[in-house]
Each structure stands twice: as C-alpha cells, then as structure tokens.
Amino acid sequence: MKVSHVYMGLVLVAVCMPLFLSAGRRLFSSMASSANYVAGTHSMAFVTAPSQEVAKKIASGLVKNKLAACVNIIPGIVSVYEWQNEINEDPEVLMMIKTRTSRLEELTKFVRENHPYEVCEVISSKIDQGNPPYLDWISEIVPEK
C-alpha cells in the first residue's frame, strides 16, 4: 500500500510540476512587468463633444496621428454647467483617451484645433498602475515625444 501512495505522489508531481512552473513564470513575469512600470508614464484624457460624429472625427485624428492608442466614446451623458452667466444642460458624449503623458500637450492642441466648442474640455489624469500588457501596448502605439 505504501508503495502505491508514493508512486501516486510521484505521478502527481510529474504531471503537475510543469503546470506549476508555467503558472509561476507567468506570475513572476507579470509582477516584474508591473514592478518596472513608472507611475504616470501614461495618462487618460477626457474630452466632451456635442455628438458622436464630432467625437469620432476627433478620435480618429488622435489615433491616426499617434497621439492616442485608444479612444472610448461614451454616449448618453448630460452636462450641466454655467456658461456666460447662464446654467445650461446639454446632451454630450465623453471621450476617454489613453495616451502617453509626454504627448498631452500635442493631444490638447489637436483637440482645440478640431473641436467646435469655443472652450473645449480637455482634462487628464495620470495612470498609476494597470494591466502591464495593456500599458505596454499604449507605449508601442504612441511613441515618445
């Protein structure tokens, strides 16, 4: 009986060890990647637009010009704001733009030159951490300034 338990244990080790090693390599590789990430290398910029058509035009230009890796266009928001001493409420869409922090100035200039609003919203927030392969992808798509 003891021999069969030992044999079964050896079989389990032989079968499971490659799986454990593979999972461990992926885990440590992922940890090393995120440990190497410098917080703030990438940013998210937020821009509102009056319509999906305007947002698509701006988004396409940003991606085509390598100022953004991805632009999500979120429909159905309502903005309430004061403009010229009046309270306004307008339907808008929101663009969530992923880019390199070093390209924010150029991104802002592009949006201002292609946006219909007199004063368009371009605000940003640095990315402290995220999925390492996704952050690497942003770096591949959007070159350093």
N, C-alpha and C. Protein backbone atom coordinates (compact mmCIF):
# COMPACT_ATOMS: atom_id res chain seq x y z
N MET A 1 0.81 -1.19 0.00
CA MET A 1 0.00 0.00 0.00
C MET A 1 0.86 1.26 0.00
N LYS A 2 1.90 1.30 0.82
CA LYS A 2 2.76 2.48 0.90
C LYS A 2 3.43 2.77 -0.42
N VAL A 3 3.82 1.73 -1.17
CA VAL A 3 4.48 1.92 -2.46
C VAL A 3 3.54 2.59 -3.44
N SER A 4 2.26 2.20 -3.46
CA SER A 4 1.32 2.80 -4.40
C SER A 4 1.07 4.26 -4.07
N HIS A 5 1.05 4.64 -2.77
CA HIS A 5 0.88 6.05 -2.39
C HIS A 5 2.08 6.88 -2.84
N VAL A 6 3.26 6.31 -2.65
CA VAL A 6 4.47 7.00 -3.08
C VAL A 6 4.46 7.15 -4.60
N TYR A 7 4.09 6.08 -5.29
CA TYR A 7 4.03 6.11 -6.76
C TYR A 7 3.03 7.16 -7.23
N MET A 8 1.85 7.20 -6.61
CA MET A 8 0.83 8.19 -6.98
C MET A 8 1.34 9.62 -6.72
N GLY A 9 2.04 9.80 -5.62
CA GLY A 9 2.60 11.11 -5.32
C GLY A 9 3.61 11.54 -6.37
N LEU A 10 4.46 10.62 -6.80
CA LEU A 10 5.44 10.92 -7.84
C LEU A 10 4.76 11.25 -9.17
N VAL A 11 3.70 10.51 -9.49
CA VAL A 11 2.95 10.77 -10.73
C VAL A 11 2.33 12.16 -10.67
N LEU A 12 1.74 12.51 -9.55
CA LEU A 12 1.13 13.85 -9.39
C LEU A 12 2.18 14.94 -9.54
N VAL A 13 3.33 14.74 -8.91
CA VAL A 13 4.40 15.73 -9.02
C VAL A 13 4.85 15.85 -10.47
N ALA A 14 5.02 14.71 -11.15
CA ALA A 14 5.49 14.72 -12.54
C ALA A 14 4.48 15.40 -13.46
N VAL A 15 3.20 15.21 -13.20
CA VAL A 15 2.15 15.79 -14.05
C VAL A 15 1.94 17.27 -13.71
N CYS A 16 1.91 17.58 -12.43
CA CYS A 16 1.57 18.95 -12.02
C CYS A 16 2.74 19.92 -12.03
N MET A 17 3.97 19.44 -11.88
CA MET A 17 5.12 20.34 -11.78
C MET A 17 5.23 21.27 -12.99
N PRO A 18 5.11 20.76 -14.24
CA PRO A 18 5.19 21.70 -15.37
C PRO A 18 4.11 22.78 -15.33
N LEU A 19 2.91 22.40 -14.87
CA LEU A 19 1.83 23.38 -14.77
C LEU A 19 2.16 24.46 -13.73
N PHE A 20 2.67 24.03 -12.57
CA PHE A 20 3.05 24.98 -11.53
C PHE A 20 4.18 25.90 -12.00
N LEU A 21 5.16 25.32 -12.68
CA LEU A 21 6.29 26.12 -13.17
C LEU A 21 5.83 27.15 -14.19
N SER A 22 4.95 26.72 -15.11
CA SER A 22 4.43 27.63 -16.13
C SER A 22 3.64 28.77 -15.48
N ALA A 23 2.77 28.43 -14.55
CA ALA A 23 1.97 29.45 -13.86
C ALA A 23 2.88 30.39 -13.07
N GLY A 24 3.89 29.85 -12.43
CA GLY A 24 4.82 30.66 -11.66
C GLY A 24 5.60 31.62 -12.55
N ARG A 25 6.04 31.14 -13.72
CA ARG A 25 6.77 32.02 -14.65
C ARG A 25 5.88 33.16 -15.11
N ARG A 26 4.60 32.85 -15.43
CA ARG A 26 3.68 33.91 -15.87
C ARG A 26 3.45 34.91 -14.74
N LEU A 27 3.28 34.41 -13.53
CA LEU A 27 3.04 35.29 -12.38
C LEU A 27 4.24 36.20 -12.14
N PHE A 28 5.44 35.63 -12.10
CA PHE A 28 6.63 36.44 -11.84
C PHE A 28 6.92 37.39 -12.99
N SER A 29 6.65 36.95 -14.22
CA SER A 29 6.84 37.83 -15.38
C SER A 29 5.90 39.02 -15.29
N SER A 30 4.65 38.76 -14.93
CA SER A 30 3.66 39.83 -14.78
C SER A 30 4.06 40.77 -13.65
N MET A 31 4.52 40.20 -12.53
CA MET A 31 4.94 41.03 -11.40
C MET A 31 6.14 41.88 -11.78
N ALA A 32 7.08 41.30 -12.52
CA ALA A 32 8.27 42.05 -12.92
C ALA A 32 7.88 43.19 -13.85
N SER A 33 6.94 42.92 -14.77
CA SER A 33 6.49 43.95 -15.70
C SER A 33 5.86 45.11 -14.96
N SER A 34 4.96 44.80 -14.01
CA SER A 34 4.29 45.89 -13.30
C SER A 34 5.25 46.57 -12.32
N ALA A 35 6.26 45.83 -11.84
CA ALA A 35 7.24 46.43 -10.95
C ALA A 35 8.12 47.42 -11.72
N ASN A 36 8.28 47.21 -13.02
CA ASN A 36 9.10 48.09 -13.85
C ASN A 36 8.34 49.31 -14.33
N TYR A 37 7.02 49.30 -14.20
CA TYR A 37 6.22 50.41 -14.70
C TYR A 37 6.46 51.66 -13.87
N VAL A 38 6.69 52.77 -14.55
CA VAL A 38 6.86 54.05 -13.87
C VAL A 38 5.51 54.75 -13.84
N ALA A 39 4.96 54.90 -12.65
CA ALA A 39 3.65 55.54 -12.50
C ALA A 39 3.66 56.90 -13.17
N GLY A 40 2.60 57.18 -13.93
CA GLY A 40 2.47 58.46 -14.59
C GLY A 40 3.03 58.50 -16.00
N THR A 41 3.59 57.38 -16.48
CA THR A 41 4.09 57.33 -17.86
C THR A 41 2.95 57.55 -18.84
N HIS A 42 1.79 57.02 -18.50
CA HIS A 42 0.61 57.14 -19.36
C HIS A 42 -0.46 57.96 -18.65
N SER A 43 -1.36 58.50 -19.45
CA SER A 43 -2.46 59.29 -18.90
C SER A 43 -3.76 58.95 -19.62
N MET A 44 -4.86 59.29 -18.95
CA MET A 44 -6.18 59.27 -19.57
C MET A 44 -6.60 60.72 -19.70
N ALA A 45 -7.05 61.08 -20.88
CA ALA A 45 -7.58 62.42 -21.09
C ALA A 45 -9.08 62.28 -21.31
N PHE A 46 -9.82 63.26 -20.86
CA PHE A 46 -11.27 63.26 -21.00
C PHE A 46 -11.69 64.49 -21.78
N VAL A 47 -12.49 64.26 -22.82
CA VAL A 47 -12.96 65.34 -23.68
C VAL A 47 -14.44 65.11 -23.95
N THR A 48 -15.27 66.14 -23.76
CA THR A 48 -16.68 66.03 -24.14
C THR A 48 -16.84 66.59 -25.54
N ALA A 49 -17.88 66.11 -26.23
CA ALA A 49 -18.20 66.58 -27.57
C ALA A 49 -19.72 66.64 -27.72
N PRO A 50 -20.20 67.48 -28.64
CA PRO A 50 -21.65 67.64 -28.79
C PRO A 50 -22.35 66.45 -29.44
N SER A 51 -21.59 65.60 -30.16
CA SER A 51 -22.23 64.47 -30.85
C SER A 51 -21.21 63.36 -31.08
N GLN A 52 -21.75 62.19 -31.39
CA GLN A 52 -20.90 61.04 -31.68
C GLN A 52 -20.07 61.29 -32.95
N GLU A 53 -20.66 61.98 -33.92
CA GLU A 53 -19.95 62.25 -35.17
C GLU A 53 -18.71 63.11 -34.92
N VAL A 54 -18.87 64.16 -34.12
CA VAL A 54 -17.73 65.03 -33.79
C VAL A 54 -16.68 64.23 -33.02
N ALA A 55 -17.13 63.44 -32.06
CA ALA A 55 -16.20 62.63 -31.26
C ALA A 55 -15.43 61.64 -32.13
N LYS A 56 -16.12 60.99 -33.07
CA LYS A 56 -15.46 60.02 -33.95
C LYS A 56 -14.39 60.70 -34.81
N LYS A 57 -14.70 61.89 -35.28
CA LYS A 57 -13.74 62.63 -36.11
C LYS A 57 -12.48 62.96 -35.30
N ILE A 58 -12.68 63.47 -34.10
CA ILE A 58 -11.55 63.81 -33.24
C ILE A 58 -10.78 62.55 -32.84
N ALA A 59 -11.50 61.51 -32.44
CA ALA A 59 -10.87 60.26 -32.02
C ALA A 59 -10.03 59.65 -33.15
N SER A 60 -10.58 59.63 -34.35
CA SER A 60 -9.84 59.08 -35.49
C SER A 60 -8.56 59.86 -35.75
N GLY A 61 -8.64 61.18 -35.66
CA GLY A 61 -7.46 62.01 -35.86
C GLY A 61 -6.39 61.77 -34.81
N LEU A 62 -6.83 61.61 -33.55
CA LEU A 62 -5.88 61.36 -32.47
C LEU A 62 -5.14 60.04 -32.67
N VAL A 63 -5.89 59.00 -33.03
CA VAL A 63 -5.27 57.68 -33.23
C VAL A 63 -4.40 57.68 -34.48
N LYS A 64 -4.91 58.26 -35.57
CA LYS A 64 -4.15 58.31 -36.83
C LYS A 64 -2.83 59.05 -36.64
N ASN A 65 -2.84 60.12 -35.86
CA ASN A 65 -1.64 60.93 -35.63
C ASN A 65 -0.77 60.41 -34.48
N LYS A 66 -1.08 59.22 -33.98
CA LYS A 66 -0.30 58.58 -32.92
C LYS A 66 -0.25 59.39 -31.63
N LEU A 67 -1.33 60.15 -31.38
CA LEU A 67 -1.45 60.91 -30.14
C LEU A 67 -2.24 60.13 -29.09
N ALA A 68 -2.91 59.08 -29.52
CA ALA A 68 -3.68 58.22 -28.62
C ALA A 68 -3.63 56.80 -29.13
N ALA A 69 -3.62 55.85 -28.19
CA ALA A 69 -3.66 54.44 -28.56
C ALA A 69 -5.11 53.99 -28.73
N CYS A 70 -5.99 54.57 -27.93
CA CYS A 70 -7.40 54.16 -27.94
C CYS A 70 -8.25 55.31 -27.43
N VAL A 71 -9.40 55.47 -28.04
CA VAL A 71 -10.37 56.46 -27.57
C VAL A 71 -11.71 55.75 -27.42
N ASN A 72 -12.22 55.72 -26.22
CA ASN A 72 -13.57 55.20 -25.98
C ASN A 72 -14.54 56.37 -26.09
N ILE A 73 -15.62 56.16 -26.83
CA ILE A 73 -16.64 57.19 -26.96
C ILE A 73 -17.86 56.71 -26.19
N ILE A 74 -18.18 57.42 -25.13
CA ILE A 74 -19.25 57.03 -24.23
C ILE A 74 -20.45 57.93 -24.49
N PRO A 75 -21.53 57.35 -25.02
CA PRO A 75 -22.71 58.16 -25.35
C PRO A 75 -23.61 58.39 -24.14
N GLY A 76 -24.54 59.31 -24.34
CA GLY A 76 -25.64 59.46 -23.38
C GLY A 76 -25.32 60.16 -22.08
N ILE A 77 -24.36 61.08 -22.08
CA ILE A 77 -24.14 61.84 -20.85
C ILE A 77 -24.86 63.17 -20.96
N VAL A 78 -25.13 63.75 -19.83
CA VAL A 78 -25.74 65.09 -19.78
C VAL A 78 -24.79 65.97 -18.97
N SER A 79 -24.44 67.09 -19.54
CA SER A 79 -23.56 68.03 -18.84
C SER A 79 -24.38 69.23 -18.37
N VAL A 80 -24.21 69.57 -17.11
CA VAL A 80 -24.84 70.75 -16.51
C VAL A 80 -23.70 71.69 -16.14
N TYR A 81 -23.74 72.92 -16.65
CA TYR A 81 -22.62 73.83 -16.47
C TYR A 81 -23.09 75.27 -16.60
N GLU A 82 -22.25 76.17 -16.11
CA GLU A 82 -22.54 77.59 -16.28
C GLU A 82 -21.68 78.12 -17.42
N TRP A 83 -22.32 78.87 -18.32
CA TRP A 83 -21.61 79.48 -19.44
C TRP A 83 -22.25 80.83 -19.71
N GLN A 84 -21.45 81.86 -19.69
CA GLN A 84 -21.89 83.23 -19.93
C GLN A 84 -23.08 83.61 -19.05
N ASN A 85 -22.91 83.34 -17.75
CA ASN A 85 -23.89 83.68 -16.72
C ASN A 85 -25.22 82.94 -16.84
N GLU A 86 -25.25 81.84 -17.54
CA GLU A 86 -26.46 81.03 -17.65
C GLU A 86 -26.15 79.58 -17.30
N ILE A 87 -27.10 78.93 -16.64
CA ILE A 87 -26.97 77.50 -16.35
C ILE A 87 -27.51 76.75 -17.57
N ASN A 88 -26.68 75.86 -18.09
CA ASN A 88 -27.04 75.08 -19.28
C ASN A 88 -27.07 73.60 -18.95
N GLU A 89 -27.85 72.86 -19.72
CA GLU A 89 -27.92 71.40 -19.60
C GLU A 89 -27.98 70.85 -21.02
N ASP A 90 -26.93 70.13 -21.41
CA ASP A 90 -26.84 69.64 -22.79
C ASP A 90 -26.46 68.17 -22.86
N PRO A 91 -27.03 67.46 -23.84
CA PRO A 91 -26.58 66.09 -24.08
C PRO A 91 -25.20 66.13 -24.75
N GLU A 92 -24.32 65.25 -24.34
CA GLU A 92 -22.97 65.18 -24.92
C GLU A 92 -22.51 63.73 -24.96
N VAL A 93 -21.36 63.52 -25.56
CA VAL A 93 -20.66 62.24 -25.47
C VAL A 93 -19.32 62.53 -24.81
N LEU A 94 -18.75 61.52 -24.19
CA LEU A 94 -17.47 61.67 -23.49
C LEU A 94 -16.43 60.78 -24.16
N MET A 95 -15.30 61.36 -24.48
CA MET A 95 -14.18 60.58 -24.99
C MET A 95 -13.21 60.32 -23.84
N MET A 96 -12.86 59.04 -23.66
CA MET A 96 -11.84 58.65 -22.70
C MET A 96 -10.64 58.20 -23.53
N ILE A 97 -9.57 58.98 -23.45
CA ILE A 97 -8.43 58.84 -24.36
C ILE A 97 -7.22 58.32 -23.59
N LYS A 98 -6.62 57.22 -24.09
CA LYS A 98 -5.42 56.67 -23.46
C LYS A 98 -4.19 57.06 -24.28
N THR A 99 -3.19 57.63 -23.60
CA THR A 99 -2.02 58.17 -24.29
C THR A 99 -0.81 58.15 -23.37
N ARG A 100 0.29 58.63 -23.90
CA ARG A 100 1.48 58.88 -23.08
C ARG A 100 1.34 60.27 -22.47
N THR A 101 1.77 60.41 -21.25
CA THR A 101 1.73 61.71 -20.58
C THR A 101 2.55 62.74 -21.36
N SER A 102 3.66 62.30 -21.93
CA SER A 102 4.53 63.23 -22.66
C SER A 102 3.88 63.80 -23.92
N ARG A 103 2.75 63.23 -24.35
CA ARG A 103 2.09 63.70 -25.57
C ARG A 103 0.83 64.53 -25.28
N LEU A 104 0.55 64.82 -24.01
CA LEU A 104 -0.68 65.53 -23.65
C LEU A 104 -0.77 66.93 -24.26
N GLU A 105 0.34 67.63 -24.32
CA GLU A 105 0.32 68.98 -24.88
C GLU A 105 -0.10 68.95 -26.36
N GLU A 106 0.48 68.02 -27.12
CA GLU A 106 0.12 67.88 -28.54
C GLU A 106 -1.32 67.41 -28.70
N LEU A 107 -1.74 66.49 -27.83
CA LEU A 107 -3.12 66.00 -27.87
C LEU A 107 -4.09 67.15 -27.63
N THR A 108 -3.81 67.97 -26.64
CA THR A 108 -4.68 69.11 -26.32
C THR A 108 -4.75 70.08 -27.49
N LYS A 109 -3.60 70.35 -28.10
CA LYS A 109 -3.56 71.26 -29.26
C LYS A 109 -4.42 70.70 -30.40
N PHE A 110 -4.30 69.40 -30.66
CA PHE A 110 -5.08 68.78 -31.74
C PHE A 110 -6.58 68.90 -31.45
N VAL A 111 -6.98 68.62 -30.22
CA VAL A 111 -8.41 68.70 -29.86
C VAL A 111 -8.89 70.14 -30.02
N ARG A 112 -8.15 71.09 -29.51
CA ARG A 112 -8.57 72.50 -29.61
C ARG A 112 -8.72 72.94 -31.07
N GLU A 113 -7.84 72.47 -31.94
CA GLU A 113 -7.90 72.86 -33.36
C GLU A 113 -9.03 72.16 -34.13
N ASN A 114 -9.56 71.08 -33.58
CA ASN A 114 -10.57 70.29 -34.30
C ASN A 114 -11.92 70.20 -33.60
N HIS A 115 -12.08 70.93 -32.53
CA HIS A 115 -13.31 70.87 -31.73
C HIS A 115 -14.19 72.09 -32.02
N PRO A 116 -15.51 71.90 -32.09
CA PRO A 116 -16.39 73.03 -32.40
C PRO A 116 -16.64 74.00 -31.24
N TYR A 117 -16.36 73.57 -30.00
CA TYR A 117 -16.63 74.46 -28.87
C TYR A 117 -15.59 75.58 -28.79
N GLU A 118 -16.04 76.74 -28.34
CA GLU A 118 -15.13 77.87 -28.12
C GLU A 118 -14.11 77.52 -27.04
N VAL A 119 -14.58 76.89 -25.96
CA VAL A 119 -13.70 76.41 -24.88
C VAL A 119 -14.02 74.93 -24.68
N CYS A 120 -13.18 74.09 -25.23
CA CYS A 120 -13.45 72.65 -25.11
C CYS A 120 -12.78 72.07 -23.86
N GLU A 121 -13.40 71.05 -23.36
CA GLU A 121 -12.87 70.36 -22.18
C GLU A 121 -11.77 69.39 -22.61
N VAL A 122 -10.60 69.56 -22.04
CA VAL A 122 -9.52 68.58 -22.16
C VAL A 122 -8.87 68.52 -20.79
N ILE A 123 -9.18 67.47 -20.05
CA ILE A 123 -8.59 67.29 -18.72
C ILE A 123 -7.95 65.91 -18.70
N SER A 124 -6.97 65.73 -17.84
CA SER A 124 -6.28 64.44 -17.82
C SER A 124 -5.94 64.02 -16.40
N SER A 125 -5.67 62.72 -16.31
CA SER A 125 -5.26 62.12 -15.05
C SER A 125 -4.20 61.08 -15.37
N LYS A 126 -3.12 61.08 -14.60
CA LYS A 126 -2.04 60.12 -14.83
C LYS A 126 -2.48 58.72 -14.38
N ILE A 127 -1.97 57.72 -15.07
CA ILE A 127 -2.25 56.32 -14.74
C ILE A 127 -1.14 55.84 -13.81
N ASP A 128 -1.51 55.45 -12.59
CA ASP A 128 -0.53 54.96 -11.62
C ASP A 128 -0.17 53.50 -11.86
N GLN A 129 -1.16 52.70 -12.24
CA GLN A 129 -0.91 51.29 -12.49
C GLN A 129 -2.01 50.73 -13.37
N GLY A 130 -1.77 49.55 -13.90
CA GLY A 130 -2.75 48.91 -14.77
C GLY A 130 -2.23 47.58 -15.27
N ASN A 131 -2.95 46.97 -16.17
CA ASN A 131 -2.57 45.70 -16.76
C ASN A 131 -1.29 45.90 -17.57
N PRO A 132 -0.17 45.31 -17.16
CA PRO A 132 1.10 45.56 -17.84
C PRO A 132 1.07 45.38 -19.37
N PRO A 133 0.45 44.32 -19.91
CA PRO A 133 0.43 44.22 -21.37
C PRO A 133 -0.34 45.37 -22.03
N TYR A 134 -1.37 45.87 -21.39
CA TYR A 134 -2.13 47.00 -21.94
C TYR A 134 -1.29 48.27 -21.93
N LEU A 135 -0.60 48.51 -20.83
CA LEU A 135 0.26 49.69 -20.74
C LEU A 135 1.40 49.61 -21.75
N ASP A 136 1.95 48.41 -21.93
CA ASP A 136 2.99 48.20 -22.95
C ASP A 136 2.44 48.52 -24.34
N TRP A 137 1.20 48.10 -24.58
CA TRP A 137 0.56 48.35 -25.89
C TRP A 137 0.43 49.85 -26.14
N ILE A 138 0.01 50.61 -25.13
CA ILE A 138 -0.07 52.08 -25.30
C ILE A 138 1.29 52.61 -25.71
N SER A 139 2.35 52.13 -25.05
CA SER A 139 3.70 52.59 -25.38
C SER A 139 4.11 52.23 -26.80
N GLU A 140 3.68 51.08 -27.28
CA GLU A 140 4.00 50.67 -28.64
C GLU A 140 3.29 51.54 -29.67
N ILE A 141 2.05 51.91 -29.39
CA ILE A 141 1.24 52.65 -30.35
C ILE A 141 1.59 54.15 -30.35
N VAL A 142 1.77 54.72 -29.16
CA VAL A 142 2.03 56.15 -29.04
C VAL A 142 3.52 56.34 -28.75
N PRO A 143 4.28 56.82 -29.71
CA PRO A 143 5.72 56.99 -29.47
C PRO A 143 6.02 58.12 -28.50
N GLU A 144 7.17 58.05 -27.88
CA GLU A 144 7.63 59.13 -27.00
C GLU A 144 7.71 60.42 -27.79
N LYS A 145 7.55 61.53 -27.12
CA LYS A 145 7.67 62.85 -27.77
C LYS A 145 9.11 63.08 -28.17
